[in-house]
Amino acid sequence: KTGMYYAIKHFSRFVDRDSVRVSITDTD
């Protein structure tokens, strides 16, 4: 498993279908 696998898993594992994106700010 390469780093790309783990990068996607941060989302696919925890952001279930029918989740709704909400507002968050970020920085540079």
mmCIF file of all heavy atoms, coordinates in Angstrom:
data_MODEL
# 
_entry.id   MODEL 
# 
loop_
_atom_site.group_PDB 
_atom_site.id 
_atom_site.type_symbol 
_atom_site.label_atom_id 
_atom_site.label_alt_id 
_atom_site.label_comp_id 
_atom_site.label_asym_id 
_atom_site.label_entity_id 
_atom_site.label_seq_id 
_atom_site.pdbx_PDB_ins_code 
_atom_site.Cartn_x 
_atom_site.Cartn_y 
_atom_site.Cartn_z 
_atom_site.occupancy 
_atom_site.B_iso_or_equiv 
_atom_site.pdbx_formal_charge 
_atom_site.auth_seq_id 
_atom_site.auth_comp_id 
_atom_site.auth_asym_id 
_atom_site.auth_atom_id 
_atom_site.pdbx_PDB_model_num 
ATOM 1   N N   . LYS A 1 1  ? 0.851   -1.189 0.000  1.00 0.00 ? 1  LYS A N   1 
ATOM 2   C CA  . LYS A 1 1  ? 0.000   0.000  0.000  1.00 0.00 ? 1  LYS A CA  1 
ATOM 3   C C   . LYS A 1 1  ? 0.886   1.239  0.000  1.00 0.00 ? 1  LYS A C   1 
ATOM 4   O O   . LYS A 1 1  ? 1.718   1.424  0.887  1.00 0.00 ? 1  LYS A O   1 
ATOM 5   C CB  . LYS A 1 1  ? -0.921  -0.016 1.219  1.00 0.00 ? 1  LYS A CB  1 
ATOM 6   C CG  . LYS A 1 1  ? -1.964  -1.124 1.169  1.00 0.00 ? 1  LYS A CG  1 
ATOM 7   C CD  . LYS A 1 1  ? -2.811  -1.193 2.419  1.00 0.00 ? 1  LYS A CD  1 
ATOM 8   C CE  . LYS A 1 1  ? -2.110  -1.923 3.534  1.00 0.00 ? 1  LYS A CE  1 
ATOM 9   N NZ  . LYS A 1 1  ? -3.006  -2.176 4.687  1.00 0.00 ? 1  LYS A NZ  1 
ATOM 10  N N   . THR A 1 2  ? 0.703   2.096  -1.003 1.00 0.00 ? 2  THR A N   1 
ATOM 11  C CA  . THR A 1 2  ? 1.509   3.300  -1.113 1.00 0.00 ? 2  THR A CA  1 
ATOM 12  C C   . THR A 1 2  ? 0.828   4.464  -0.392 1.00 0.00 ? 2  THR A C   1 
ATOM 13  O O   . THR A 1 2  ? -0.296  4.347  0.105  1.00 0.00 ? 2  THR A O   1 
ATOM 14  C CB  . THR A 1 2  ? 1.728   3.681  -2.589 1.00 0.00 ? 2  THR A CB  1 
ATOM 15  O OG1 . THR A 1 2  ? 0.489   4.155  -3.137 1.00 0.00 ? 2  THR A OG1 1 
ATOM 16  C CG2 . THR A 1 2  ? 2.222   2.495  -3.401 1.00 0.00 ? 2  THR A CG2 1 
ATOM 17  N N   . GLY A 1 3  ? 1.503   5.605  -0.373 1.00 0.00 ? 3  GLY A N   1 
ATOM 18  C CA  . GLY A 1 3  ? 0.949   6.776  0.287  1.00 0.00 ? 3  GLY A CA  1 
ATOM 19  C C   . GLY A 1 3  ? -0.368  7.231  -0.307 1.00 0.00 ? 3  GLY A C   1 
ATOM 20  O O   . GLY A 1 3  ? -1.240  7.752  0.403  1.00 0.00 ? 3  GLY A O   1 
ATOM 21  N N   . MET A 1 4  ? -0.549  7.026  -1.601 1.00 0.00 ? 4  MET A N   1 
ATOM 22  C CA  . MET A 1 4  ? -1.799  7.437  -2.239 1.00 0.00 ? 4  MET A CA  1 
ATOM 23  C C   . MET A 1 4  ? -2.974  6.649  -1.686 1.00 0.00 ? 4  MET A C   1 
ATOM 24  O O   . MET A 1 4  ? -4.082  7.189  -1.510 1.00 0.00 ? 4  MET A O   1 
ATOM 25  C CB  . MET A 1 4  ? -1.700  7.272  -3.759 1.00 0.00 ? 4  MET A CB  1 
ATOM 26  C CG  . MET A 1 4  ? -0.686  8.217  -4.393 1.00 0.00 ? 4  MET A CG  1 
ATOM 27  S SD  . MET A 1 4  ? -0.626  8.061  -6.189 1.00 0.00 ? 4  MET A SD  1 
ATOM 28  C CE  . MET A 1 4  ? 0.015   6.410  -6.378 1.00 0.00 ? 4  MET A CE  1 
ATOM 29  N N   . TYR A 1 5  ? -2.751  5.370  -1.411 1.00 0.00 ? 5  TYR A N   1 
ATOM 30  C CA  . TYR A 1 5  ? -3.806  4.555  -0.800 1.00 0.00 ? 5  TYR A CA  1 
ATOM 31  C C   . TYR A 1 5  ? -4.243  5.175  0.519  1.00 0.00 ? 5  TYR A C   1 
ATOM 32  O O   . TYR A 1 5  ? -5.451  5.334  0.783  1.00 0.00 ? 5  TYR A O   1 
ATOM 33  C CB  . TYR A 1 5  ? -3.298  3.124  -0.577 1.00 0.00 ? 5  TYR A CB  1 
ATOM 34  C CG  . TYR A 1 5  ? -4.175  2.322  0.357  1.00 0.00 ? 5  TYR A CG  1 
ATOM 35  C CD1 . TYR A 1 5  ? -5.297  1.660  -0.122 1.00 0.00 ? 5  TYR A CD1 1 
ATOM 36  C CD2 . TYR A 1 5  ? -3.899  2.262  1.718  1.00 0.00 ? 5  TYR A CD2 1 
ATOM 37  C CE1 . TYR A 1 5  ? -6.129  0.947  0.733  1.00 0.00 ? 5  TYR A CE1 1 
ATOM 38  C CE2 . TYR A 1 5  ? -4.715  1.554  2.582  1.00 0.00 ? 5  TYR A CE2 1 
ATOM 39  C CZ  . TYR A 1 5  ? -5.827  0.896  2.087  1.00 0.00 ? 5  TYR A CZ  1 
ATOM 40  O OH  . TYR A 1 5  ? -6.651  0.213  2.938  1.00 0.00 ? 5  TYR A OH  1 
ATOM 41  N N   . TYR A 1 6  ? -3.287  5.535  1.364  1.00 0.00 ? 6  TYR A N   1 
ATOM 42  C CA  . TYR A 1 6  ? -3.625  6.076  2.674  1.00 0.00 ? 6  TYR A CA  1 
ATOM 43  C C   . TYR A 1 6  ? -4.243  7.464  2.575  1.00 0.00 ? 6  TYR A C   1 
ATOM 44  O O   . TYR A 1 6  ? -5.100  7.832  3.384  1.00 0.00 ? 6  TYR A O   1 
ATOM 45  C CB  . TYR A 1 6  ? -2.393  6.085  3.568  1.00 0.00 ? 6  TYR A CB  1 
ATOM 46  C CG  . TYR A 1 6  ? -1.952  4.697  3.971  1.00 0.00 ? 6  TYR A CG  1 
ATOM 47  C CD1 . TYR A 1 6  ? -0.834  4.101  3.396  1.00 0.00 ? 6  TYR A CD1 1 
ATOM 48  C CD2 . TYR A 1 6  ? -2.679  3.967  4.905  1.00 0.00 ? 6  TYR A CD2 1 
ATOM 49  C CE1 . TYR A 1 6  ? -0.441  2.817  3.754  1.00 0.00 ? 6  TYR A CE1 1 
ATOM 50  C CE2 . TYR A 1 6  ? -2.300  2.679  5.271  1.00 0.00 ? 6  TYR A CE2 1 
ATOM 51  C CZ  . TYR A 1 6  ? -1.174  2.109  4.695  1.00 0.00 ? 6  TYR A CZ  1 
ATOM 52  O OH  . TYR A 1 6  ? -0.801  0.839  5.049  1.00 0.00 ? 6  TYR A OH  1 
ATOM 53  N N   . ALA A 1 7  ? -3.815  8.240  1.585  1.00 0.00 ? 7  ALA A N   1 
ATOM 54  C CA  . ALA A 1 7  ? -4.401  9.573  1.411  1.00 0.00 ? 7  ALA A CA  1 
ATOM 55  C C   . ALA A 1 7  ? -5.899  9.478  1.152  1.00 0.00 ? 7  ALA A C   1 
ATOM 56  O O   . ALA A 1 7  ? -6.705  10.200 1.760  1.00 0.00 ? 7  ALA A O   1 
ATOM 57  C CB  . ALA A 1 7  ? -3.706  10.303 0.265  1.00 0.00 ? 7  ALA A CB  1 
ATOM 58  N N   . ILE A 1 8  ? -6.294  8.586  0.248  1.00 0.00 ? 8  ILE A N   1 
ATOM 59  C CA  . ILE A 1 8  ? -7.719  8.429  -0.046 1.00 0.00 ? 8  ILE A CA  1 
ATOM 60  C C   . ILE A 1 8  ? -8.459  7.862  1.166  1.00 0.00 ? 8  ILE A C   1 
ATOM 61  O O   . ILE A 1 8  ? -9.598  8.248  1.457  1.00 0.00 ? 8  ILE A O   1 
ATOM 62  C CB  . ILE A 1 8  ? -7.920  7.525  -1.273 1.00 0.00 ? 8  ILE A CB  1 
ATOM 63  C CG1 . ILE A 1 8  ? -7.181  8.075  -2.492 1.00 0.00 ? 8  ILE A CG1 1 
ATOM 64  C CG2 . ILE A 1 8  ? -9.412  7.394  -1.606 1.00 0.00 ? 8  ILE A CG2 1 
ATOM 65  C CD1 . ILE A 1 8  ? -7.146  7.128  -3.671 1.00 0.00 ? 8  ILE A CD1 1 
ATOM 66  N N   . LYS A 1 9  ? -7.817  6.970  1.898  1.00 0.00 ? 9  LYS A N   1 
ATOM 67  C CA  . LYS A 1 9  ? -8.471  6.323  3.027  1.00 0.00 ? 9  LYS A CA  1 
ATOM 68  C C   . LYS A 1 9  ? -8.869  7.328  4.098  1.00 0.00 ? 9  LYS A C   1 
ATOM 69  O O   . LYS A 1 9  ? -9.854  7.110  4.823  1.00 0.00 ? 9  LYS A O   1 
ATOM 70  C CB  . LYS A 1 9  ? -7.557  5.248  3.623  1.00 0.00 ? 9  LYS A CB  1 
ATOM 71  C CG  . LYS A 1 9  ? -8.229  4.375  4.670  1.00 0.00 ? 9  LYS A CG  1 
ATOM 72  C CD  . LYS A 1 9  ? -7.319  3.236  5.120  1.00 0.00 ? 9  LYS A CD  1 
ATOM 73  C CE  . LYS A 1 9  ? -8.023  2.353  6.145  1.00 0.00 ? 9  LYS A CE  1 
ATOM 74  N NZ  . LYS A 1 9  ? -7.161  1.203  6.543  1.00 0.00 ? 9  LYS A NZ  1 
ATOM 75  N N   . HIS A 1 10 ? -8.135  8.419  4.249  1.00 0.00 ? 10 HIS A N   1 
ATOM 76  C CA  . HIS A 1 10 ? -8.520  9.450  5.212  1.00 0.00 ? 10 HIS A CA  1 
ATOM 77  C C   . HIS A 1 10 ? -9.935  9.947  4.940  1.00 0.00 ? 10 HIS A C   1 
ATOM 78  O O   . HIS A 1 10 ? -10.632 10.387 5.859  1.00 0.00 ? 10 HIS A O   1 
ATOM 79  C CB  . HIS A 1 10 ? -7.540  10.617 5.155  1.00 0.00 ? 10 HIS A CB  1 
ATOM 80  C CG  . HIS A 1 10 ? -6.325  10.426 6.012  1.00 0.00 ? 10 HIS A CG  1 
ATOM 81  N ND1 . HIS A 1 10 ? -6.291  10.773 7.337  1.00 0.00 ? 10 HIS A ND1 1 
ATOM 82  C CD2 . HIS A 1 10 ? -5.107  9.907  5.720  1.00 0.00 ? 10 HIS A CD2 1 
ATOM 83  C CE1 . HIS A 1 10 ? -5.103  10.484 7.840  1.00 0.00 ? 10 HIS A CE1 1 
ATOM 84  N NE2 . HIS A 1 10 ? -4.364  9.959  6.880  1.00 0.00 ? 10 HIS A NE2 1 
ATOM 85  N N   . PHE A 1 11 ? -10.359 9.882  3.704  1.00 0.00 ? 11 PHE A N   1 
ATOM 86  C CA  . PHE A 1 11 ? -11.707 10.330 3.329  1.00 0.00 ? 11 PHE A CA  1 
ATOM 87  C C   . PHE A 1 11 ? -12.673 9.149  3.234  1.00 0.00 ? 11 PHE A C   1 
ATOM 88  O O   . PHE A 1 11 ? -13.747 9.151  3.841  1.00 0.00 ? 11 PHE A O   1 
ATOM 89  C CB  . PHE A 1 11 ? -11.660 11.073 1.997  1.00 0.00 ? 11 PHE A CB  1 
ATOM 90  C CG  . PHE A 1 11 ? -10.769 12.273 2.022  1.00 0.00 ? 11 PHE A CG  1 
ATOM 91  C CD1 . PHE A 1 11 ? -9.396  12.161 1.773  1.00 0.00 ? 11 PHE A CD1 1 
ATOM 92  C CD2 . PHE A 1 11 ? -11.283 13.530 2.299  1.00 0.00 ? 11 PHE A CD2 1 
ATOM 93  C CE1 . PHE A 1 11 ? -8.573  13.267 1.802  1.00 0.00 ? 11 PHE A CE1 1 
ATOM 94  C CE2 . PHE A 1 11 ? -10.464 14.642 2.326  1.00 0.00 ? 11 PHE A CE2 1 
ATOM 95  C CZ  . PHE A 1 11 ? -9.098  14.508 2.081  1.00 0.00 ? 11 PHE A CZ  1 
ATOM 96  N N   . SER A 1 12 ? -12.293 8.126  2.457  1.00 0.00 ? 12 SER A N   1 
ATOM 97  C CA  . SER A 1 12 ? -13.219 7.027  2.180  1.00 0.00 ? 12 SER A CA  1 
ATOM 98  C C   . SER A 1 12 ? -13.597 6.266  3.446  1.00 0.00 ? 12 SER A C   1 
ATOM 99  O O   . SER A 1 12 ? -14.729 5.775  3.562  1.00 0.00 ? 12 SER A O   1 
ATOM 100 C CB  . SER A 1 12 ? -12.607 6.066  1.152  1.00 0.00 ? 12 SER A CB  1 
ATOM 101 O OG  . SER A 1 12 ? -11.414 5.467  1.648  1.00 0.00 ? 12 SER A OG  1 
ATOM 102 N N   . ARG A 1 13 ? -12.689 6.169  4.385  1.00 0.00 ? 13 ARG A N   1 
ATOM 103 C CA  . ARG A 1 13 ? -12.929 5.406  5.608  1.00 0.00 ? 13 ARG A CA  1 
ATOM 104 C C   . ARG A 1 13 ? -13.900 6.120  6.553  1.00 0.00 ? 13 ARG A C   1 
ATOM 105 O O   . ARG A 1 13 ? -14.685 5.473  7.261  1.00 0.00 ? 13 ARG A O   1 
ATOM 106 C CB  . ARG A 1 13 ? -11.605 5.151  6.324  1.00 0.00 ? 13 ARG A CB  1 
ATOM 107 C CG  . ARG A 1 13 ? -11.721 4.417  7.645  1.00 0.00 ? 13 ARG A CG  1 
ATOM 108 C CD  . ARG A 1 13 ? -12.033 2.969  7.453  1.00 0.00 ? 13 ARG A CD  1 
ATOM 109 N NE  . ARG A 1 13 ? -12.356 2.324  8.721  1.00 0.00 ? 13 ARG A NE  1 
ATOM 110 C CZ  . ARG A 1 13 ? -12.881 1.112  8.834  1.00 0.00 ? 13 ARG A CZ  1 
ATOM 111 N NH1 . ARG A 1 13 ? -13.130 0.420  7.742  1.00 0.00 ? 13 ARG A NH1 1 
ATOM 112 N NH2 . ARG A 1 13 ? -13.146 0.593  10.003 1.00 0.00 ? 13 ARG A NH2 1 
ATOM 113 N N   . PHE A 1 14 ? -13.873 7.435  6.571  1.00 0.00 ? 14 PHE A N   1 
ATOM 114 C CA  . PHE A 1 14 ? -14.576 8.180  7.609  1.00 0.00 ? 14 PHE A CA  1 
ATOM 115 C C   . PHE A 1 14 ? -15.704 9.077  7.096  1.00 0.00 ? 14 PHE A C   1 
ATOM 116 O O   . PHE A 1 14 ? -16.580 9.452  7.863  1.00 0.00 ? 14 PHE A O   1 
ATOM 117 C CB  . PHE A 1 14 ? -13.573 9.011  8.400  1.00 0.00 ? 14 PHE A CB  1 
ATOM 118 C CG  . PHE A 1 14 ? -12.454 8.195  8.979  1.00 0.00 ? 14 PHE A CG  1 
ATOM 119 C CD1 . PHE A 1 14 ? -11.163 8.282  8.468  1.00 0.00 ? 14 PHE A CD1 1 
ATOM 120 C CD2 . PHE A 1 14 ? -12.697 7.320  10.023 1.00 0.00 ? 14 PHE A CD2 1 
ATOM 121 C CE1 . PHE A 1 14 ? -10.137 7.516  8.994  1.00 0.00 ? 14 PHE A CE1 1 
ATOM 122 C CE2 . PHE A 1 14 ? -11.671 6.550  10.558 1.00 0.00 ? 14 PHE A CE2 1 
ATOM 123 C CZ  . PHE A 1 14 ? -10.384 6.644  10.038 1.00 0.00 ? 14 PHE A CZ  1 
ATOM 124 N N   . VAL A 1 15 ? -15.681 9.416  5.799  1.00 0.00 ? 15 VAL A N   1 
ATOM 125 C CA  . VAL A 1 15 ? -16.719 10.284 5.247  1.00 0.00 ? 15 VAL A CA  1 
ATOM 126 C C   . VAL A 1 15 ? -17.737 9.384  4.547  1.00 0.00 ? 15 VAL A C   1 
ATOM 127 O O   . VAL A 1 15 ? -17.595 9.038  3.378  1.00 0.00 ? 15 VAL A O   1 
ATOM 128 C CB  . VAL A 1 15 ? -16.126 11.320 4.275  1.00 0.00 ? 15 VAL A CB  1 
ATOM 129 C CG1 . VAL A 1 15 ? -17.227 12.245 3.753  1.00 0.00 ? 15 VAL A CG1 1 
ATOM 130 C CG2 . VAL A 1 15 ? -15.032 12.136 4.967  1.00 0.00 ? 15 VAL A CG2 1 
ATOM 131 N N   . ASP A 1 16 ? -18.753 9.001  5.286  1.00 0.00 ? 16 ASP A N   1 
ATOM 132 C CA  . ASP A 1 16 ? -19.746 8.060  4.773  1.00 0.00 ? 16 ASP A CA  1 
ATOM 133 C C   . ASP A 1 16 ? -20.565 8.692  3.648  1.00 0.00 ? 16 ASP A C   1 
ATOM 134 O O   . ASP A 1 16 ? -20.703 9.916  3.562  1.00 0.00 ? 16 ASP A O   1 
ATOM 135 C CB  . ASP A 1 16 ? -20.699 7.635  5.892  1.00 0.00 ? 16 ASP A CB  1 
ATOM 136 C CG  . ASP A 1 16 ? -19.996 6.884  7.008  1.00 0.00 ? 16 ASP A CG  1 
ATOM 137 O OD1 . ASP A 1 16 ? -19.010 6.189  6.720  1.00 0.00 ? 16 ASP A OD1 1 
ATOM 138 O OD2 . ASP A 1 16 ? -20.432 7.014  8.168  1.00 0.00 ? 16 ASP A OD2 1 
ATOM 139 N N   . ARG A 1 17 ? -21.144 7.815  2.804  1.00 0.00 ? 17 ARG A N   1 
ATOM 140 C CA  . ARG A 1 17 ? -22.107 8.304  1.819  1.00 0.00 ? 17 ARG A CA  1 
ATOM 141 C C   . ARG A 1 17 ? -23.240 9.047  2.547  1.00 0.00 ? 17 ARG A C   1 
ATOM 142 O O   . ARG A 1 17 ? -23.667 8.649  3.629  1.00 0.00 ? 17 ARG A O   1 
ATOM 143 C CB  . ARG A 1 17 ? -22.664 7.146  1.007  1.00 0.00 ? 17 ARG A CB  1 
ATOM 144 C CG  . ARG A 1 17 ? -23.757 7.568  0.026  1.00 0.00 ? 17 ARG A CG  1 
ATOM 145 C CD  . ARG A 1 17 ? -24.088 6.468  -0.955 1.00 0.00 ? 17 ARG A CD  1 
ATOM 146 N NE  . ARG A 1 17 ? -22.936 6.175  -1.799 1.00 0.00 ? 17 ARG A NE  1 
ATOM 147 C CZ  . ARG A 1 17 ? -22.667 4.980  -2.333 1.00 0.00 ? 17 ARG A CZ  1 
ATOM 148 N NH1 . ARG A 1 17 ? -23.457 3.958  -2.089 1.00 0.00 ? 17 ARG A NH1 1 
ATOM 149 N NH2 . ARG A 1 17 ? -21.600 4.812  -3.097 1.00 0.00 ? 17 ARG A NH2 1 
ATOM 150 N N   . ASP A 1 18 ? -23.704 10.113 1.923  1.00 0.00 ? 18 ASP A N   1 
ATOM 151 C CA  . ASP A 1 18 ? -24.748 10.994 2.465  1.00 0.00 ? 18 ASP A CA  1 
ATOM 152 C C   . ASP A 1 18 ? -24.231 11.914 3.563  1.00 0.00 ? 18 ASP A C   1 
ATOM 153 O O   . ASP A 1 18 ? -25.029 12.610 4.208  1.00 0.00 ? 18 ASP A O   1 
ATOM 154 C CB  . ASP A 1 18 ? -25.972 10.215 2.950  1.00 0.00 ? 18 ASP A CB  1 
ATOM 155 C CG  . ASP A 1 18 ? -26.676 9.486  1.812  1.00 0.00 ? 18 ASP A CG  1 
ATOM 156 O OD1 . ASP A 1 18 ? -26.673 10.024 0.676  1.00 0.00 ? 18 ASP A OD1 1 
ATOM 157 O OD2 . ASP A 1 18 ? -27.209 8.387  2.035  1.00 0.00 ? 18 ASP A OD2 1 
ATOM 158 N N   . SER A 1 19 ? -22.905 11.924 3.789  1.00 0.00 ? 19 SER A N   1 
ATOM 159 C CA  . SER A 1 19 ? -22.341 13.011 4.591  1.00 0.00 ? 19 SER A CA  1 
ATOM 160 C C   . SER A 1 19 ? -22.548 14.318 3.849  1.00 0.00 ? 19 SER A C   1 
ATOM 161 O O   . SER A 1 19 ? -22.683 14.336 2.617  1.00 0.00 ? 19 SER A O   1 
ATOM 162 C CB  . SER A 1 19 ? -20.843 12.788 4.829  1.00 0.00 ? 19 SER A CB  1 
ATOM 163 O OG  . SER A 1 19 ? -20.607 11.622 5.598  1.00 0.00 ? 19 SER A OG  1 
ATOM 164 N N   . VAL A 1 20 ? -22.548 15.406 4.586  1.00 0.00 ? 20 VAL A N   1 
ATOM 165 C CA  . VAL A 1 20 ? -22.738 16.722 3.983  1.00 0.00 ? 20 VAL A CA  1 
ATOM 166 C C   . VAL A 1 20 ? -21.524 17.581 4.309  1.00 0.00 ? 20 VAL A C   1 
ATOM 167 O O   . VAL A 1 20 ? -21.102 17.666 5.470  1.00 0.00 ? 20 VAL A O   1 
ATOM 168 C CB  . VAL A 1 20 ? -24.020 17.393 4.510  1.00 0.00 ? 20 VAL A CB  1 
ATOM 169 C CG1 . VAL A 1 20 ? -24.167 18.803 3.949  1.00 0.00 ? 20 VAL A CG1 1 
ATOM 170 C CG2 . VAL A 1 20 ? -25.245 16.552 4.160  1.00 0.00 ? 20 VAL A CG2 1 
ATOM 171 N N   . ARG A 1 21 ? -20.957 18.178 3.283  1.00 0.00 ? 21 ARG A N   1 
ATOM 172 C CA  . ARG A 1 21 ? -19.831 19.085 3.525  1.00 0.00 ? 21 ARG A CA  1 
ATOM 173 C C   . ARG A 1 21 ? -20.317 20.316 4.270  1.00 0.00 ? 21 ARG A C   1 
ATOM 174 O O   . ARG A 1 21 ? -21.394 20.847 3.979  1.00 0.00 ? 21 ARG A O   1 
ATOM 175 C CB  . ARG A 1 21 ? -19.169 19.505 2.210  1.00 0.00 ? 21 ARG A CB  1 
ATOM 176 C CG  . ARG A 1 21 ? -17.969 20.456 2.445  1.00 0.00 ? 21 ARG A CG  1 
ATOM 177 C CD  . ARG A 1 21 ? -17.212 20.718 1.168  1.00 0.00 ? 21 ARG A CD  1 
ATOM 178 N NE  . ARG A 1 21 ? -17.933 21.530 0.212  1.00 0.00 ? 21 ARG A NE  1 
ATOM 179 C CZ  . ARG A 1 21 ? -17.890 22.864 0.163  1.00 0.00 ? 21 ARG A CZ  1 
ATOM 180 N NH1 . ARG A 1 21 ? -17.187 23.543 1.054  1.00 0.00 ? 21 ARG A NH1 1 
ATOM 181 N NH2 . ARG A 1 21 ? -18.550 23.510 -0.785 1.00 0.00 ? 21 ARG A NH2 1 
ATOM 182 N N   . VAL A 1 22 ? -19.489 20.743 5.239  1.00 0.00 ? 22 VAL A N   1 
ATOM 183 C CA  . VAL A 1 22 ? -19.794 21.955 6.000  1.00 0.00 ? 22 VAL A CA  1 
ATOM 184 C C   . VAL A 1 22 ? -18.621 22.927 5.899  1.00 0.00 ? 22 VAL A C   1 
ATOM 185 O O   . VAL A 1 22 ? -17.531 22.579 5.431  1.00 0.00 ? 22 VAL A O   1 
ATOM 186 C CB  . VAL A 1 22 ? -20.101 21.636 7.475  1.00 0.00 ? 22 VAL A CB  1 
ATOM 187 C CG1 . VAL A 1 22 ? -21.355 20.786 7.584  1.00 0.00 ? 22 VAL A CG1 1 
ATOM 188 C CG2 . VAL A 1 22 ? -18.914 20.946 8.147  1.00 0.00 ? 22 VAL A CG2 1 
ATOM 189 N N   . SER A 1 23 ? -18.838 24.131 6.361  1.00 0.00 ? 23 SER A N   1 
ATOM 190 C CA  . SER A 1 23 ? -17.848 25.196 6.213  1.00 0.00 ? 23 SER A CA  1 
ATOM 191 C C   . SER A 1 23 ? -16.667 25.012 7.164  1.00 0.00 ? 23 SER A C   1 
ATOM 192 O O   . SER A 1 23 ? -16.845 24.744 8.356  1.00 0.00 ? 23 SER A O   1 
ATOM 193 C CB  . SER A 1 23 ? -18.508 26.545 6.487  1.00 0.00 ? 23 SER A CB  1 
ATOM 194 O OG  . SER A 1 23 ? -17.552 27.584 6.491  1.00 0.00 ? 23 SER A OG  1 
ATOM 195 N N   . ILE A 1 24 ? -15.466 25.126 6.621  1.00 0.00 ? 24 ILE A N   1 
ATOM 196 C CA  . ILE A 1 24 ? -14.257 25.211 7.433  1.00 0.00 ? 24 ILE A CA  1 
ATOM 197 C C   . ILE A 1 24 ? -13.266 26.097 6.685  1.00 0.00 ? 24 ILE A C   1 
ATOM 198 O O   . ILE A 1 24 ? -13.162 26.030 5.459  1.00 0.00 ? 24 ILE A O   1 
ATOM 199 C CB  . ILE A 1 24 ? -13.647 23.820 7.723  1.00 0.00 ? 24 ILE A CB  1 
ATOM 200 C CG1 . ILE A 1 24 ? -12.501 23.934 8.742  1.00 0.00 ? 24 ILE A CG1 1 
ATOM 201 C CG2 . ILE A 1 24 ? -13.171 23.143 6.454  1.00 0.00 ? 24 ILE A CG2 1 
ATOM 202 C CD1 . ILE A 1 24 ? -11.963 22.583 9.222  1.00 0.00 ? 24 ILE A CD1 1 
ATOM 203 N N   . THR A 1 25 ? -12.582 26.942 7.400  1.00 0.00 ? 25 THR A N   1 
ATOM 204 C CA  . THR A 1 25 ? -11.539 27.762 6.782  1.00 0.00 ? 25 THR A CA  1 
ATOM 205 C C   . THR A 1 25 ? -10.239 26.975 6.763  1.00 0.00 ? 25 THR A C   1 
ATOM 206 O O   . THR A 1 25 ? -10.077 25.981 7.470  1.00 0.00 ? 25 THR A O   1 
ATOM 207 C CB  . THR A 1 25 ? -11.336 29.066 7.560  1.00 0.00 ? 25 THR A CB  1 
ATOM 208 O OG1 . THR A 1 25 ? -10.888 28.763 8.894  1.00 0.00 ? 25 THR A OG1 1 
ATOM 209 C CG2 . THR A 1 25 ? -12.632 29.873 7.635  1.00 0.00 ? 25 THR A CG2 1 
ATOM 210 N N   . ASP A 1 26 ? -9.295  27.423 5.932  1.00 0.00 ? 26 ASP A N   1 
ATOM 211 C CA  . ASP A 1 26 ? -7.956  26.849 5.990  1.00 0.00 ? 26 ASP A CA  1 
ATOM 212 C C   . ASP A 1 26 ? -6.933  27.953 5.784  1.00 0.00 ? 26 ASP A C   1 
ATOM 213 O O   . ASP A 1 26 ? -7.287  29.139 5.732  1.00 0.00 ? 26 ASP A O   1 
ATOM 214 C CB  . ASP A 1 26 ? -7.773  25.690 5.017  1.00 0.00 ? 26 ASP A CB  1 
ATOM 215 C CG  . ASP A 1 26 ? -7.990  26.051 3.563  1.00 0.00 ? 26 ASP A CG  1 
ATOM 216 O OD1 . ASP A 1 26 ? -8.094  27.254 3.248  1.00 0.00 ? 26 ASP A OD1 1 
ATOM 217 O OD2 . ASP A 1 26 ? -8.054  25.128 2.726  1.00 0.00 ? 26 ASP A OD2 1 
ATOM 218 N N   . THR A 1 27 ? -5.682  27.589 5.694  1.00 0.00 ? 27 THR A N   1 
ATOM 219 C CA  . THR A 1 27 ? -4.597  28.557 5.563  1.00 0.00 ? 27 THR A CA  1 
ATOM 220 C C   . THR A 1 27 ? -3.666  28.110 4.450  1.00 0.00 ? 27 THR A C   1 
ATOM 221 O O   . THR A 1 27 ? -3.832  27.020 3.877  1.00 0.00 ? 27 THR A O   1 
ATOM 222 C CB  . THR A 1 27 ? -3.805  28.681 6.876  1.00 0.00 ? 27 THR A CB  1 
ATOM 223 O OG1 . THR A 1 27 ? -3.078  27.461 7.105  1.00 0.00 ? 27 THR A OG1 1 
ATOM 224 C CG2 . THR A 1 27 ? -4.741  28.944 8.064  1.00 0.00 ? 27 THR A CG2 1 
ATOM 225 N N   . ASP A 1 28 ? -2.663  28.894 4.147  1.00 0.00 ? 28 ASP A N   1 
ATOM 226 C CA  . ASP A 1 28 ? -1.676  28.484 3.152  1.00 0.00 ? 28 ASP A CA  1 
ATOM 227 C C   . ASP A 1 28 ? -0.944  27.223 3.585  1.00 0.00 ? 28 ASP A C   1 
ATOM 228 O O   . ASP A 1 28 ? -0.581  26.381 2.760  1.00 0.00 ? 28 ASP A O   1 
ATOM 229 C CB  . ASP A 1 28 ? -0.668  29.613 2.920  1.00 0.00 ? 28 ASP A CB  1 
ATOM 230 C CG  . ASP A 1 28 ? -1.273  30.800 2.191  1.00 0.00 ? 28 ASP A CG  1 
ATOM 231 O OD1 . ASP A 1 28 ? -2.325  30.617 1.540  1.00 0.00 ? 28 ASP A OD1 1 
ATOM 232 O OD2 . ASP A 1 28 ? -0.701  31.906 2.277  1.00 0.00 ? 28 ASP A OD2 1 
# 
